[in-house]
Every structure is written in C-alpha cells, then in structure tokens.
Amino acid sequence: MYRRLQGSLFGLERLLTALGSGFVDTFLRDNKMIPVLLALLVLFIFCWVMAAPFSAGPTRAASPTGPR
C-alpha cells in the first residue's frame, strides 16, 4: 500500500516538475512583455488607491440627538 502511494506521488512530482519547467520556458524566459505588463498593473493599482478618497463621496457628521 505504501509503495503504491509513494509511486503515485513520485509520478505527480514528475508531472508538476514538467509543467513548471514548461511554464517557465513558455512564459518567462526571454519574454519582453512581462515587465511592461507588471508596470501597467502597478500603475493601475496606484491610480486606484489614489482615486479612492475622491470617489468615496461626502460623509455626514453624526447628529448628537441620534438619527431622525
């Protein structure tokens, strides 16, 4: 039982290793678009964070007598 489980885990490990190296070769190695896309993503997040206080709308002060 243990050997069979160990063998299936070894097969899964080989599969994940092959998928990982294939992903790196396809998308990351010598890819000129990744830095550009990351820069655009950072710019978008920065603008979103900076615009949040302006788009929140006016706030009302709490009434001392409670809601009406």
PDB file of N, CA and C in Angstrom:
ATOM      1  N   MET A   1       0.826  -1.187   0.000  1.00  0.00           N
ATOM      2  CA  MET A   1       0.000   0.000   0.000  1.00  0.00           C
ATOM      3  C   MET A   1       0.872   1.253   0.000  1.00  0.00           C
ATOM      4  N   TYR A   2       1.886   1.261   0.877  1.00  0.00           N
ATOM      5  CA  TYR A   2       2.771   2.413   0.980  1.00  0.00           C
ATOM      6  C   TYR A   2       3.564   2.615  -0.303  1.00  0.00           C
ATOM      7  N   ARG A   3       4.024   1.526  -0.904  1.00  0.00           N
ATOM      8  CA  ARG A   3       4.799   1.619  -2.154  1.00  0.00           C
ATOM      9  C   ARG A   3       3.947   2.181  -3.282  1.00  0.00           C
ATOM     10  N   ARG A   4       2.692   1.753  -3.335  1.00  0.00           N
ATOM     11  CA  ARG A   4       1.817   2.249  -4.397  1.00  0.00           C
ATOM     12  C   ARG A   4       1.560   3.751  -4.235  1.00  0.00           C
ATOM     13  N   LEU A   5       1.332   4.183  -3.003  1.00  0.00           N
ATOM     14  CA  LEU A   5       1.124   5.603  -2.735  1.00  0.00           C
ATOM     15  C   LEU A   5       2.390   6.395  -3.029  1.00  0.00           C
ATOM     16  N   GLN A   6       3.532   5.855  -2.652  1.00  0.00           N
ATOM     17  CA  GLN A   6       4.805   6.526  -2.920  1.00  0.00           C
ATOM     18  C   GLN A   6       5.049   6.619  -4.422  1.00  0.00           C
ATOM     19  N   GLY A   7       4.714   5.602  -5.175  1.00  0.00           N
ATOM     20  CA  GLY A   7       4.881   5.625  -6.626  1.00  0.00           C
ATOM     21  C   GLY A   7       3.978   6.650  -7.284  1.00  0.00           C
ATOM     22  N   SER A   8       2.737   6.770  -6.803  1.00  0.00           N
ATOM     23  CA  SER A   8       1.830   7.755  -7.396  1.00  0.00           C
ATOM     24  C   SER A   8       2.260   9.171  -7.051  1.00  0.00           C
ATOM     25  N   LEU A   9       2.810   9.367  -5.854  1.00  0.00           N
ATOM     26  CA  LEU A   9       3.316  10.694  -5.503  1.00  0.00           C
ATOM     27  C   LEU A   9       4.540  11.052  -6.334  1.00  0.00           C
ATOM     28  N   PHE A  10       5.384  10.066  -6.631  1.00  0.00           N
ATOM     29  CA  PHE A  10       6.544  10.315  -7.475  1.00  0.00           C
ATOM     30  C   PHE A  10       6.103  10.701  -8.880  1.00  0.00           C
ATOM     31  N   GLY A  11       5.060  10.058  -9.391  1.00  0.00           N
ATOM     32  CA  GLY A  11       4.528  10.411 -10.704  1.00  0.00           C
ATOM     33  C   GLY A  11       3.945  11.818 -10.715  1.00  0.00           C
ATOM     34  N   LEU A  12       3.265  12.173  -9.633  1.00  0.00           N
ATOM     35  CA  LEU A  12       2.710  13.523  -9.511  1.00  0.00           C
ATOM     36  C   LEU A  12       3.830  14.558  -9.441  1.00  0.00           C
ATOM     37  N   GLU A  13       4.891  14.234  -8.725  1.00  0.00           N
ATOM     38  CA  GLU A  13       6.034  15.143  -8.627  1.00  0.00           C
ATOM     39  C   GLU A  13       6.674  15.357  -9.997  1.00  0.00           C
ATOM     40  N   ARG A  14       6.828  14.283 -10.754  1.00  0.00           N
ATOM     41  CA  ARG A  14       7.396  14.423 -12.106  1.00  0.00           C
ATOM     42  C   ARG A  14       6.497  15.254 -13.003  1.00  0.00           C
ATOM     43  N   LEU A  15       5.188  15.066 -12.887  1.00  0.00           N
ATOM     44  CA  LEU A  15       4.239  15.828 -13.696  1.00  0.00           C
ATOM     45  C   LEU A  15       4.310  17.316 -13.361  1.00  0.00           C
ATOM     46  N   LEU A  16       4.324  17.650 -12.064  1.00  0.00           N
ATOM     47  CA  LEU A  16       4.405  19.043 -11.662  1.00  0.00           C
ATOM     48  C   LEU A  16       5.724  19.680 -12.073  1.00  0.00           C
ATOM     49  N   THR A  17       6.801  18.931 -12.008  1.00  0.00           N
ATOM     50  CA  THR A  17       8.095  19.446 -12.445  1.00  0.00           C
ATOM     51  C   THR A  17       8.082  19.739 -13.940  1.00  0.00           C
ATOM     52  N   ALA A  18       7.512  18.843 -14.711  1.00  0.00           N
ATOM     53  CA  ALA A  18       7.437  19.047 -16.164  1.00  0.00           C
ATOM     54  C   ALA A  18       6.549  20.241 -16.508  1.00  0.00           C
ATOM     55  N   LEU A  19       5.413  20.370 -15.820  1.00  0.00           N
ATOM     56  CA  LEU A  19       4.527  21.506 -16.070  1.00  0.00           C
ATOM     57  C   LEU A  19       5.193  22.818 -15.675  1.00  0.00           C
ATOM     58  N   GLY A  20       5.900  22.816 -14.549  1.00  0.00           N
ATOM     59  CA  GLY A  20       6.581  24.032 -14.094  1.00  0.00           C
ATOM     60  C   GLY A  20       7.665  24.475 -15.046  1.00  0.00           C
ATOM     61  N   SER A  21       8.476  23.543 -15.509  1.00  0.00           N
ATOM     62  CA  SER A  21       9.546  23.924 -16.445  1.00  0.00           C
ATOM     63  C   SER A  21       8.967  24.352 -17.785  1.00  0.00           C
ATOM     64  N   GLY A  22       7.886  23.720 -18.214  1.00  0.00           N
ATOM     65  CA  GLY A  22       7.233  24.148 -19.453  1.00  0.00           C
ATOM     66  C   GLY A  22       6.643  25.542 -19.332  1.00  0.00           C
ATOM     67  N   PHE A  23       6.060  25.858 -18.178  1.00  0.00           N
ATOM     68  CA  PHE A  23       5.516  27.193 -17.954  1.00  0.00           C
ATOM     69  C   PHE A  23       6.625  28.240 -17.982  1.00  0.00           C
ATOM     70  N   VAL A  24       7.732  27.953 -17.314  1.00  0.00           N
ATOM     71  CA  VAL A  24       8.850  28.903 -17.285  1.00  0.00           C
ATOM     72  C   VAL A  24       9.402  29.116 -18.686  1.00  0.00           C
ATOM     73  N   ASP A  25       9.586  28.041 -19.434  1.00  0.00           N
ATOM     74  CA  ASP A  25      10.118  28.174 -20.789  1.00  0.00           C
ATOM     75  C   ASP A  25       9.175  28.963 -21.693  1.00  0.00           C
ATOM     76  N   THR A  26       7.882  28.754 -21.535  1.00  0.00           N
ATOM     77  CA  THR A  26       6.912  29.407 -22.416  1.00  0.00           C
ATOM     78  C   THR A  26       6.698  30.866 -22.069  1.00  0.00           C
ATOM     79  N   PHE A  27       6.503  31.168 -20.794  1.00  0.00           N
ATOM     80  CA  PHE A  27       6.045  32.497 -20.427  1.00  0.00           C
ATOM     81  C   PHE A  27       7.114  33.415 -19.839  1.00  0.00           C
ATOM     82  N   LEU A  28       8.163  32.899 -19.256  1.00  0.00           N
ATOM     83  CA  LEU A  28       9.093  33.770 -18.542  1.00  0.00           C
ATOM     84  C   LEU A  28      10.449  33.934 -19.215  1.00  0.00           C
ATOM     85  N   ARG A  29      10.934  32.940 -19.871  1.00  0.00           N
ATOM     86  CA  ARG A  29      12.270  33.022 -20.438  1.00  0.00           C
ATOM     87  C   ARG A  29      12.278  33.911 -21.672  1.00  0.00           C
ATOM     88  N   ASP A  30      13.108  34.938 -21.697  1.00  0.00           N
ATOM     89  CA  ASP A  30      13.256  35.869 -22.810  1.00  0.00           C
ATOM     90  C   ASP A  30      11.935  36.521 -23.200  1.00  0.00           C
ATOM     91  N   ASN A  31      11.106  36.791 -22.236  1.00  0.00           N
ATOM     92  CA  ASN A  31       9.819  37.415 -22.517  1.00  0.00           C
ATOM     93  C   ASN A  31       9.939  38.901 -22.248  1.00  0.00           C
ATOM     94  N   LYS A  32       9.668  39.714 -23.244  1.00  0.00           N
ATOM     95  CA  LYS A  32       9.801  41.165 -23.126  1.00  0.00           C
ATOM     96  C   LYS A  32       8.514  41.817 -22.624  1.00  0.00           C
ATOM     97  N   MET A  33       7.401  41.092 -22.593  1.00  0.00           N
ATOM     98  CA  MET A  33       6.129  41.679 -22.204  1.00  0.00           C
ATOM     99  C   MET A  33       5.881  41.660 -20.698  1.00  0.00           C
ATOM    100  N   ILE A  34       6.519  40.760 -19.968  1.00  0.00           N
ATOM    101  CA  ILE A  34       6.260  40.638 -18.536  1.00  0.00           C
ATOM    102  C   ILE A  34       6.586  41.938 -17.792  1.00  0.00           C
ATOM    103  N   PRO A  35       7.740  42.577 -17.986  1.00  0.00           N
ATOM    104  CA  PRO A  35       7.995  43.833 -17.266  1.00  0.00           C
ATOM    105  C   PRO A  35       6.999  44.934 -17.620  1.00  0.00           C
ATOM    106  N   VAL A  36       6.592  45.001 -18.872  1.00  0.00           N
ATOM    107  CA  VAL A  36       5.626  46.015 -19.298  1.00  0.00           C
ATOM    108  C   VAL A  36       4.276  45.776 -18.633  1.00  0.00           C
ATOM    109  N   LEU A  37       3.828  44.536 -18.623  1.00  0.00           N
ATOM    110  CA  LEU A  37       2.539  44.222 -18.002  1.00  0.00           C
ATOM    111  C   LEU A  37       2.567  44.446 -16.495  1.00  0.00           C
ATOM    112  N   LEU A  38       3.671  44.107 -15.856  1.00  0.00           N
ATOM    113  CA  LEU A  38       3.780  44.351 -14.422  1.00  0.00           C
ATOM    114  C   LEU A  38       3.781  45.844 -14.114  1.00  0.00           C
ATOM    115  N   ALA A  39       4.448  46.640 -14.942  1.00  0.00           N
ATOM    116  CA  ALA A  39       4.462  48.093 -14.750  1.00  0.00           C
ATOM    117  C   ALA A  39       3.057  48.672 -14.924  1.00  0.00           C
ATOM    118  N   LEU A  40       2.314  48.204 -15.908  1.00  0.00           N
ATOM    119  CA  LEU A  40       0.942  48.678 -16.101  1.00  0.00           C
ATOM    120  C   LEU A  40       0.049  48.272 -14.931  1.00  0.00           C
ATOM    121  N   LEU A  41       0.243  47.077 -14.419  1.00  0.00           N
ATOM    122  CA  LEU A  41      -0.535  46.618 -13.275  1.00  0.00           C
ATOM    123  C   LEU A  41      -0.251  47.477 -12.043  1.00  0.00           C
ATOM    124  N   VAL A  42       1.011  47.785 -11.799  1.00  0.00           N
ATOM    125  CA  VAL A  42       1.381  48.630 -10.661  1.00  0.00           C
ATOM    126  C   VAL A  42       0.804  50.029 -10.831  1.00  0.00           C
ATOM    127  N   LEU A  43       0.863  50.573 -12.031  1.00  0.00           N
ATOM    128  CA  LEU A  43       0.296  51.896 -12.294  1.00  0.00           C
ATOM    129  C   LEU A  43      -1.208  51.901 -12.064  1.00  0.00           C
ATOM    130  N   PHE A  44      -1.904  50.877 -12.519  1.00  0.00           N
ATOM    131  CA  PHE A  44      -3.349  50.768 -12.321  1.00  0.00           C
ATOM    132  C   PHE A  44      -3.693  50.711 -10.836  1.00  0.00           C
ATOM    133  N   ILE A  45      -2.982  49.899 -10.077  1.00  0.00           N
ATOM    134  CA  ILE A  45      -3.251  49.777  -8.644  1.00  0.00           C
ATOM    135  C   ILE A  45      -2.957  51.093  -7.926  1.00  0.00           C
ATOM    136  N   PHE A  46      -1.872  51.762  -8.305  1.00  0.00           N
ATOM    137  CA  PHE A  46      -1.527  53.044  -7.705  1.00  0.00           C
ATOM    138  C   PHE A  46      -2.630  54.075  -7.963  1.00  0.00           C
ATOM    139  N   CYS A  47      -3.101  54.165  -9.192  1.00  0.00           N
ATOM    140  CA  CYS A  47      -4.168  55.116  -9.526  1.00  0.00           C
ATOM    141  C   CYS A  47      -5.461  54.774  -8.801  1.00  0.00           C
ATOM    142  N   TRP A  48      -5.752  53.497  -8.660  1.00  0.00           N
ATOM    143  CA  TRP A  48      -6.957  53.063  -7.960  1.00  0.00           C
ATOM    144  C   TRP A  48      -6.902  53.474  -6.489  1.00  0.00           C
ATOM    145  N   VAL A  49      -5.750  53.273  -5.862  1.00  0.00           N
ATOM    146  CA  VAL A  49      -5.600  53.632  -4.454  1.00  0.00           C
ATOM    147  C   VAL A  49      -5.668  55.145  -4.283  1.00  0.00           C
ATOM    148  N   MET A  50      -5.058  55.895  -5.194  1.00  0.00           N
ATOM    149  CA  MET A  50      -5.063  57.348  -5.080  1.00  0.00           C
ATOM    150  C   MET A  50      -6.445  57.943  -5.361  1.00  0.00           C
ATOM    151  N   ALA A  51      -7.261  57.304  -6.176  1.00  0.00           N
ATOM    152  CA  ALA A  51      -8.578  57.831  -6.514  1.00  0.00           C
ATOM    153  C   ALA A  51      -9.641  57.453  -5.490  1.00  0.00           C
ATOM    154  N   ALA A  52      -9.387  56.512  -4.636  1.00  0.00           N
ATOM    155  CA  ALA A  52     -10.388  56.033  -3.686  1.00  0.00           C
ATOM    156  C   ALA A  52     -10.915  57.137  -2.765  1.00  0.00           C
ATOM    157  N   PRO A  53     -10.081  57.982  -2.187  1.00  0.00           N
ATOM    158  CA  PRO A  53     -10.643  59.025  -1.304  1.00  0.00           C
ATOM    159  C   PRO A  53     -11.536  60.021  -2.050  1.00  0.00           C
ATOM    160  N   PHE A  54     -11.277  60.266  -3.312  1.00  0.00           N
ATOM    161  CA  PHE A  54     -12.062  61.224  -4.071  1.00  0.00           C
ATOM    162  C   PHE A  54     -13.395  60.655  -4.539  1.00  0.00           C
ATOM    163  N   SER A  55     -13.492  59.364  -4.667  1.00  0.00           N
ATOM    164  CA  SER A  55     -14.726  58.761  -5.155  1.00  0.00           C
ATOM    165  C   SER A  55     -15.607  58.214  -4.033  1.00  0.00           C
ATOM    166  N   ALA A  56     -15.210  58.412  -2.779  1.00  0.00           N
ATOM    167  CA  ALA A  56     -15.984  57.882  -1.657  1.00  0.00           C
ATOM    168  C   ALA A  56     -17.263  58.682  -1.421  1.00  0.00           C
ATOM    169  N   GLY A  57     -17.299  59.912  -1.847  1.00  0.00           N
ATOM    170  CA  GLY A  57     -18.484  60.734  -1.640  1.00  0.00           C
ATOM    171  C   GLY A  57     -18.403  61.475  -0.317  1.00  0.00           C
ATOM    172  N   PRO A  58     -19.320  62.409  -0.120  1.00  0.00           N
ATOM    173  CA  PRO A  58     -19.291  63.189   1.126  1.00  0.00           C
ATOM    174  C   PRO A  58     -19.733  62.356   2.318  1.00  0.00           C
ATOM    175  N   THR A  59     -19.169  62.664   3.455  1.00  0.00           N
ATOM    176  CA  THR A  59     -19.571  61.986   4.683  1.00  0.00           C
ATOM    177  C   THR A  59     -20.337  62.966   5.544  1.00  0.00           C
ATOM    178  N   ARG A  60     -21.297  62.462   6.291  1.00  0.00           N
ATOM    179  CA  ARG A  60     -22.091  63.321   7.166  1.00  0.00           C
ATOM    180  C   ARG A  60     -21.654  63.132   8.591  1.00  0.00           C
ATOM    181  N   ALA A  61     -21.656  64.231   9.340  1.00  0.00           N
ATOM    182  CA  ALA A  61     -21.315  64.150  10.766  1.00  0.00           C
ATOM    183  C   ALA A  61     -22.481  63.523  11.520  1.00  0.00           C
ATOM    184  N   ALA A  62     -22.189  62.812  12.577  1.00  0.00           N
ATOM    185  CA  ALA A  62     -23.226  62.179  13.379  1.00  0.00           C
ATOM    186  C   ALA A  62     -23.988  63.242  14.174  1.00  0.00           C
ATOM    187  N   SER A  63     -25.269  63.082  14.225  1.00  0.00           N
ATOM    188  CA  SER A  63     -26.112  64.012  14.964  1.00  0.00           C
ATOM    189  C   SER A  63     -26.035  63.695  16.450  1.00  0.00           C
ATOM    190  N   PRO A  64     -25.920  64.711  17.291  1.00  0.00           N
ATOM    191  CA  PRO A  64     -25.843  64.428  18.736  1.00  0.00           C
ATOM    192  C   PRO A  64     -27.141  63.877  19.322  1.00  0.00           C
ATOM    193  N   THR A  65     -28.270  64.115  18.656  1.00  0.00           N
ATOM    194  CA  THR A  65     -29.542  63.612  19.174  1.00  0.00           C
ATOM    195  C   THR A  65     -29.910  62.259  18.589  1.00  0.00           C
ATOM    196  N   GLY A  66     -29.120  61.755  17.681  1.00  0.00           N
ATOM    197  CA  GLY A  66     -29.413  60.460  17.075  1.00  0.00           C
ATOM    198  C   GLY A  66     -30.039  60.604  15.699  1.00  0.00           C
ATOM    199  N   PRO A  67     -30.347  59.517  15.063  1.00  0.00           N
ATOM    200  CA  PRO A  67     -30.920  59.593  13.718  1.00  0.00           C
ATOM    201  C   PRO A  67     -32.356  60.093  13.744  1.00  0.00           C
ATOM    202  N   ARG A  68     -32.755  60.728  12.671  1.00  0.00           N
ATOM    203  CA  ARG A  68     -34.133  61.253  12.583  1.00  0.00           C
ATOM    204  C   ARG A  68     -34.876  60.570  11.490  1.00  0.00           C
TER     205      ARG A  68
END
